[in-house]
Amino acid sequence: MIRRILVCAAIVVCPVAALAQTVVSVYTLKVFAPGATAPIQATTAPLTAATCNVVPLTGRSTVNPTLAQFDDAAHVGMACALPLAAFFGGLPIGAYRATMALTDNAGLTSPDSA
């Protein structure tokens, strides 16, 4: 009976330990026209391009954006800022919605954010 419990514990603990060692390595930002299901433009940026633990911007109206800002998972209430002036400058004038996905160092990618 004891051997079975130890074997089960080892099987459950090993995958968790492996997942705990993965870290985000790439951010992927996709921009969609209103109602569109396919992005009109997308870009990727390495983890090192973002500055985290910054005070989040307030407000919802943005004109000529130069960065993407998203929640900082490591610091509650803080944000990460990803400079993307050239990317945003290449978009036609209009209203958009954007999603972000994260890829870890093992190559696994999260679903797009809502």
N, C-alpha and C. Protein backbone atom coordinates (compact mmCIF):
# COMPACT_ATOMS: atom_id res chain seq x y z
N MET A 1 0.81 -1.19 0.00
CA MET A 1 0.00 0.00 0.00
C MET A 1 0.86 1.27 0.00
N ILE A 2 1.91 1.30 0.78
CA ILE A 2 2.78 2.47 0.85
C ILE A 2 3.50 2.69 -0.48
N ARG A 3 3.92 1.64 -1.13
CA ARG A 3 4.61 1.78 -2.42
C ARG A 3 3.71 2.42 -3.46
N ARG A 4 2.45 2.06 -3.49
CA ARG A 4 1.52 2.64 -4.46
C ARG A 4 1.35 4.14 -4.22
N ILE A 5 1.27 4.55 -3.01
CA ILE A 5 1.10 5.97 -2.69
C ILE A 5 2.34 6.75 -3.11
N LEU A 6 3.53 6.22 -2.87
CA LEU A 6 4.76 6.91 -3.25
C LEU A 6 4.89 7.04 -4.76
N VAL A 7 4.51 6.01 -5.49
CA VAL A 7 4.57 6.05 -6.95
C VAL A 7 3.60 7.10 -7.48
N CYS A 8 2.39 7.15 -6.96
CA CYS A 8 1.42 8.15 -7.40
C CYS A 8 1.91 9.55 -7.10
N ALA A 9 2.48 9.77 -5.94
CA ALA A 9 2.98 11.09 -5.57
C ALA A 9 4.11 11.52 -6.50
N ALA A 10 4.98 10.60 -6.87
CA ALA A 10 6.10 10.93 -7.76
C ALA A 10 5.59 11.31 -9.15
N ILE A 11 4.56 10.64 -9.62
CA ILE A 11 4.00 10.94 -10.94
C ILE A 11 3.35 12.31 -10.96
N VAL A 12 2.68 12.69 -9.91
CA VAL A 12 2.00 13.98 -9.85
C VAL A 12 2.99 15.12 -9.65
N VAL A 13 4.00 14.93 -8.83
CA VAL A 13 4.93 16.00 -8.49
C VAL A 13 5.87 16.31 -9.65
N CYS A 14 6.32 15.34 -10.39
CA CYS A 14 7.30 15.57 -11.45
C CYS A 14 6.82 16.56 -12.52
N PRO A 15 5.60 16.42 -13.08
CA PRO A 15 5.19 17.39 -14.08
C PRO A 15 5.06 18.80 -13.51
N VAL A 16 4.62 18.93 -12.28
CA VAL A 16 4.48 20.25 -11.68
C VAL A 16 5.84 20.91 -11.53
N ALA A 17 6.84 20.15 -11.12
CA ALA A 17 8.19 20.70 -10.97
C ALA A 17 8.72 21.16 -12.33
N ALA A 18 8.44 20.42 -13.39
CA ALA A 18 8.91 20.80 -14.72
C ALA A 18 8.22 22.08 -15.18
N LEU A 19 6.91 22.22 -14.92
CA LEU A 19 6.18 23.42 -15.32
C LEU A 19 6.66 24.64 -14.56
N ALA A 20 7.03 24.46 -13.33
CA ALA A 20 7.48 25.58 -12.51
C ALA A 20 8.77 26.18 -13.05
N GLN A 21 9.51 25.45 -13.85
CA GLN A 21 10.78 25.95 -14.36
C GLN A 21 10.64 26.69 -15.69
N THR A 22 9.45 26.68 -16.31
CA THR A 22 9.28 27.39 -17.57
C THR A 22 9.05 28.88 -17.29
N VAL A 23 9.51 29.71 -18.18
CA VAL A 23 9.32 31.15 -18.05
C VAL A 23 8.88 31.71 -19.40
N VAL A 24 8.15 32.81 -19.35
CA VAL A 24 7.73 33.45 -20.59
C VAL A 24 8.96 33.95 -21.33
N SER A 25 9.02 33.68 -22.62
CA SER A 25 10.18 34.13 -23.39
C SER A 25 9.78 35.06 -24.53
N VAL A 26 8.51 34.97 -25.01
CA VAL A 26 8.07 35.79 -26.14
C VAL A 26 6.62 36.23 -25.92
N TYR A 27 6.37 37.51 -26.22
CA TYR A 27 5.01 38.05 -26.24
C TYR A 27 4.58 38.17 -27.70
N THR A 28 3.31 37.83 -28.00
CA THR A 28 2.77 38.01 -29.35
C THR A 28 1.53 38.88 -29.24
N LEU A 29 1.54 40.03 -29.89
CA LEU A 29 0.42 40.96 -29.90
C LEU A 29 -0.25 40.90 -31.26
N LYS A 30 -1.57 40.73 -31.26
CA LYS A 30 -2.35 40.71 -32.50
C LYS A 30 -3.37 41.83 -32.44
N VAL A 31 -3.55 42.53 -33.55
CA VAL A 31 -4.52 43.62 -33.63
C VAL A 31 -5.59 43.24 -34.64
N PHE A 32 -6.84 43.43 -34.24
CA PHE A 32 -8.00 43.06 -35.06
C PHE A 32 -8.85 44.29 -35.37
N ALA A 33 -9.40 44.36 -36.56
CA ALA A 33 -10.41 45.37 -36.88
C ALA A 33 -11.69 44.97 -36.15
N PRO A 34 -12.58 45.91 -35.85
CA PRO A 34 -13.82 45.56 -35.14
C PRO A 34 -14.58 44.44 -35.85
N GLY A 35 -14.94 43.41 -35.11
CA GLY A 35 -15.71 42.28 -35.65
C GLY A 35 -14.91 41.26 -36.43
N ALA A 36 -13.64 41.51 -36.67
CA ALA A 36 -12.81 40.59 -37.47
C ALA A 36 -12.38 39.39 -36.63
N THR A 37 -12.19 38.26 -37.30
CA THR A 37 -11.72 37.05 -36.62
C THR A 37 -10.24 36.79 -36.89
N ALA A 38 -9.70 37.44 -37.90
CA ALA A 38 -8.27 37.29 -38.21
C ALA A 38 -7.57 38.63 -37.96
N PRO A 39 -6.37 38.60 -37.41
CA PRO A 39 -5.68 39.86 -37.14
C PRO A 39 -5.27 40.57 -38.43
N ILE A 40 -5.29 41.90 -38.39
CA ILE A 40 -4.80 42.66 -39.54
C ILE A 40 -3.30 42.87 -39.43
N GLN A 41 -2.77 42.75 -38.22
CA GLN A 41 -1.34 42.89 -38.00
C GLN A 41 -0.97 42.18 -36.70
N ALA A 42 0.23 41.61 -36.66
CA ALA A 42 0.72 40.94 -35.45
C ALA A 42 2.22 41.19 -35.33
N THR A 43 2.70 41.10 -34.11
CA THR A 43 4.14 41.25 -33.87
C THR A 43 4.53 40.42 -32.66
N THR A 44 5.79 40.04 -32.61
CA THR A 44 6.31 39.33 -31.45
C THR A 44 7.44 40.15 -30.85
N ALA A 45 7.63 39.98 -29.56
CA ALA A 45 8.72 40.69 -28.87
C ALA A 45 9.27 39.77 -27.78
N PRO A 46 10.57 39.79 -27.57
CA PRO A 46 11.16 38.95 -26.52
C PRO A 46 10.80 39.49 -25.14
N LEU A 47 10.85 38.61 -24.16
CA LEU A 47 10.59 38.97 -22.77
C LEU A 47 11.41 40.19 -22.34
N THR A 48 12.63 40.25 -22.77
CA THR A 48 13.53 41.32 -22.34
C THR A 48 13.12 42.69 -22.87
N ALA A 49 12.21 42.75 -23.84
CA ALA A 49 11.78 44.04 -24.40
C ALA A 49 10.77 44.75 -23.49
N ALA A 50 10.14 44.02 -22.58
CA ALA A 50 9.13 44.61 -21.70
C ALA A 50 9.75 45.10 -20.40
N THR A 51 9.23 46.23 -19.92
CA THR A 51 9.62 46.75 -18.61
C THR A 51 8.45 46.47 -17.68
N CYS A 52 8.68 45.70 -16.62
CA CYS A 52 7.60 45.32 -15.72
C CYS A 52 7.72 46.04 -14.38
N ASN A 53 6.69 45.85 -13.55
CA ASN A 53 6.59 46.48 -12.24
C ASN A 53 6.47 48.01 -12.38
N VAL A 54 5.68 48.44 -13.39
CA VAL A 54 5.42 49.87 -13.59
C VAL A 54 3.97 50.16 -13.19
N VAL A 55 3.69 51.41 -12.85
CA VAL A 55 2.33 51.83 -12.49
C VAL A 55 1.47 51.79 -13.76
N PRO A 56 0.30 51.13 -13.69
CA PRO A 56 -0.54 51.03 -14.89
C PRO A 56 -1.08 52.39 -15.32
N LEU A 57 -1.22 52.56 -16.63
CA LEU A 57 -1.85 53.76 -17.17
C LEU A 57 -3.34 53.71 -16.86
N THR A 58 -3.97 54.85 -16.77
CA THR A 58 -5.41 54.89 -16.53
C THR A 58 -6.09 55.46 -17.77
N GLY A 59 -7.38 55.21 -17.87
CA GLY A 59 -8.15 55.72 -19.01
C GLY A 59 -8.25 54.69 -20.12
N ARG A 60 -9.19 54.88 -21.00
CA ARG A 60 -9.42 53.92 -22.08
C ARG A 60 -9.23 54.51 -23.47
N SER A 61 -9.16 55.82 -23.62
CA SER A 61 -9.03 56.45 -24.92
C SER A 61 -7.56 56.64 -25.26
N THR A 62 -7.13 56.10 -26.38
CA THR A 62 -5.72 56.20 -26.76
C THR A 62 -5.62 56.75 -28.16
N VAL A 63 -4.77 57.74 -28.35
CA VAL A 63 -4.49 58.30 -29.66
C VAL A 63 -2.99 58.15 -29.89
N ASN A 64 -2.62 57.61 -31.03
CA ASN A 64 -1.21 57.39 -31.38
C ASN A 64 -0.45 56.64 -30.29
N PRO A 65 -0.84 55.40 -30.01
CA PRO A 65 -0.15 54.64 -28.95
C PRO A 65 1.30 54.35 -29.34
N THR A 66 2.13 54.22 -28.32
CA THR A 66 3.54 53.88 -28.55
C THR A 66 3.95 52.62 -27.80
N LEU A 67 3.06 52.13 -26.91
CA LEU A 67 3.39 50.92 -26.17
C LEU A 67 2.13 50.11 -25.88
N ALA A 68 2.35 48.82 -25.63
CA ALA A 68 1.29 47.94 -25.17
C ALA A 68 1.52 47.73 -23.68
N GLN A 69 0.46 47.81 -22.91
CA GLN A 69 0.60 47.62 -21.47
C GLN A 69 -0.34 46.50 -21.04
N PHE A 70 0.15 45.64 -20.16
CA PHE A 70 -0.63 44.50 -19.69
C PHE A 70 -0.28 44.19 -18.25
N ASP A 71 -1.15 43.43 -17.58
CA ASP A 71 -0.95 43.11 -16.17
C ASP A 71 0.37 42.40 -15.94
N ASP A 72 1.04 42.76 -14.87
CA ASP A 72 2.30 42.13 -14.48
C ASP A 72 1.95 40.97 -13.53
N ALA A 73 2.13 39.75 -14.00
CA ALA A 73 1.77 38.57 -13.20
C ALA A 73 2.61 38.44 -11.94
N ALA A 74 3.80 39.00 -11.94
CA ALA A 74 4.69 38.88 -10.79
C ALA A 74 4.45 39.94 -9.72
N HIS A 75 3.74 41.01 -10.07
CA HIS A 75 3.52 42.13 -9.14
C HIS A 75 2.05 42.56 -9.21
N VAL A 76 1.27 42.17 -8.23
CA VAL A 76 -0.16 42.48 -8.19
C VAL A 76 -0.38 43.99 -8.25
N GLY A 77 -1.29 44.41 -9.13
CA GLY A 77 -1.62 45.83 -9.26
C GLY A 77 -0.65 46.62 -10.12
N MET A 78 0.38 45.99 -10.62
CA MET A 78 1.35 46.67 -11.46
C MET A 78 1.20 46.18 -12.91
N ALA A 79 1.96 46.77 -13.82
CA ALA A 79 1.85 46.44 -15.24
C ALA A 79 3.22 46.23 -15.86
N CYS A 80 3.20 45.66 -17.06
CA CYS A 80 4.38 45.57 -17.91
C CYS A 80 4.12 46.47 -19.13
N ALA A 81 5.14 47.15 -19.60
CA ALA A 81 5.02 48.02 -20.77
C ALA A 81 5.96 47.51 -21.85
N LEU A 82 5.40 47.36 -23.04
CA LEU A 82 6.15 46.84 -24.18
C LEU A 82 6.18 47.93 -25.25
N PRO A 83 7.34 48.55 -25.52
CA PRO A 83 7.40 49.63 -26.51
C PRO A 83 7.21 49.10 -27.93
N LEU A 84 6.20 49.63 -28.61
CA LEU A 84 5.88 49.16 -29.96
C LEU A 84 5.49 50.32 -30.87
N ALA A 85 6.17 51.44 -30.78
CA ALA A 85 5.81 52.63 -31.56
C ALA A 85 5.80 52.34 -33.06
N ALA A 86 6.81 51.65 -33.57
CA ALA A 86 6.87 51.36 -35.01
C ALA A 86 5.71 50.45 -35.43
N PHE A 87 5.38 49.47 -34.60
CA PHE A 87 4.27 48.56 -34.90
C PHE A 87 2.96 49.33 -34.98
N PHE A 88 2.67 50.14 -33.96
CA PHE A 88 1.41 50.89 -33.95
C PHE A 88 1.38 51.94 -35.05
N GLY A 89 2.53 52.52 -35.37
CA GLY A 89 2.60 53.52 -36.43
C GLY A 89 2.26 52.96 -37.79
N GLY A 90 2.39 51.65 -37.96
CA GLY A 90 2.07 51.01 -39.23
C GLY A 90 0.61 50.65 -39.42
N LEU A 91 -0.20 50.87 -38.39
CA LEU A 91 -1.64 50.57 -38.50
C LEU A 91 -2.38 51.72 -39.16
N PRO A 92 -3.38 51.40 -40.00
CA PRO A 92 -4.20 52.49 -40.54
C PRO A 92 -5.01 53.14 -39.40
N ILE A 93 -5.42 54.37 -39.59
CA ILE A 93 -6.21 55.07 -38.58
C ILE A 93 -7.53 54.33 -38.39
N GLY A 94 -7.93 54.13 -37.15
CA GLY A 94 -9.19 53.44 -36.87
C GLY A 94 -9.23 52.92 -35.45
N ALA A 95 -10.31 52.21 -35.15
CA ALA A 95 -10.49 51.59 -33.84
C ALA A 95 -10.16 50.11 -33.96
N TYR A 96 -9.54 49.55 -32.94
CA TYR A 96 -9.10 48.17 -32.98
C TYR A 96 -9.31 47.49 -31.65
N ARG A 97 -9.21 46.18 -31.66
CA ARG A 97 -9.09 45.41 -30.43
C ARG A 97 -7.82 44.59 -30.56
N ALA A 98 -7.18 44.32 -29.43
CA ALA A 98 -5.91 43.61 -29.46
C ALA A 98 -5.94 42.44 -28.48
N THR A 99 -5.19 41.41 -28.79
CA THR A 99 -5.01 40.27 -27.89
C THR A 99 -3.52 40.04 -27.72
N MET A 100 -3.19 39.34 -26.65
CA MET A 100 -1.79 38.99 -26.43
C MET A 100 -1.70 37.52 -26.03
N ALA A 101 -0.69 36.86 -26.52
CA ALA A 101 -0.40 35.48 -26.13
C ALA A 101 1.04 35.43 -25.65
N LEU A 102 1.33 34.49 -24.78
CA LEU A 102 2.68 34.33 -24.23
C LEU A 102 3.22 32.97 -24.63
N THR A 103 4.48 32.92 -24.98
CA THR A 103 5.14 31.66 -25.31
C THR A 103 6.27 31.46 -24.29
N ASP A 104 6.35 30.25 -23.73
CA ASP A 104 7.38 29.99 -22.73
C ASP A 104 8.63 29.40 -23.38
N ASN A 105 9.65 29.22 -22.56
CA ASN A 105 10.93 28.72 -23.08
C ASN A 105 10.86 27.27 -23.56
N ALA A 106 9.74 26.58 -23.27
CA ALA A 106 9.56 25.22 -23.78
C ALA A 106 8.81 25.21 -25.11
N GLY A 107 8.40 26.40 -25.59
CA GLY A 107 7.70 26.51 -26.86
C GLY A 107 6.19 26.40 -26.75
N LEU A 108 5.65 26.35 -25.53
CA LEU A 108 4.20 26.28 -25.36
C LEU A 108 3.62 27.69 -25.37
N THR A 109 2.51 27.88 -26.11
CA THR A 109 1.90 29.19 -26.24
C THR A 109 0.53 29.21 -25.58
N SER A 110 0.25 30.27 -24.83
CA SER A 110 -1.04 30.44 -24.17
C SER A 110 -2.11 30.77 -25.19
N PRO A 111 -3.38 30.60 -24.81
CA PRO A 111 -4.45 31.11 -25.67
C PRO A 111 -4.36 32.64 -25.72
N ASP A 112 -4.90 33.25 -26.77
CA ASP A 112 -4.94 34.71 -26.84
C ASP A 112 -5.77 35.24 -25.68
N SER A 113 -5.35 36.39 -25.15
CA SER A 113 -6.12 37.05 -24.11
C SER A 113 -7.45 37.51 -24.69
N ALA A 114 -8.39 37.79 -23.84
CA ALA A 114 -9.72 38.21 -24.31
C ALA A 114 -9.74 39.68 -24.63
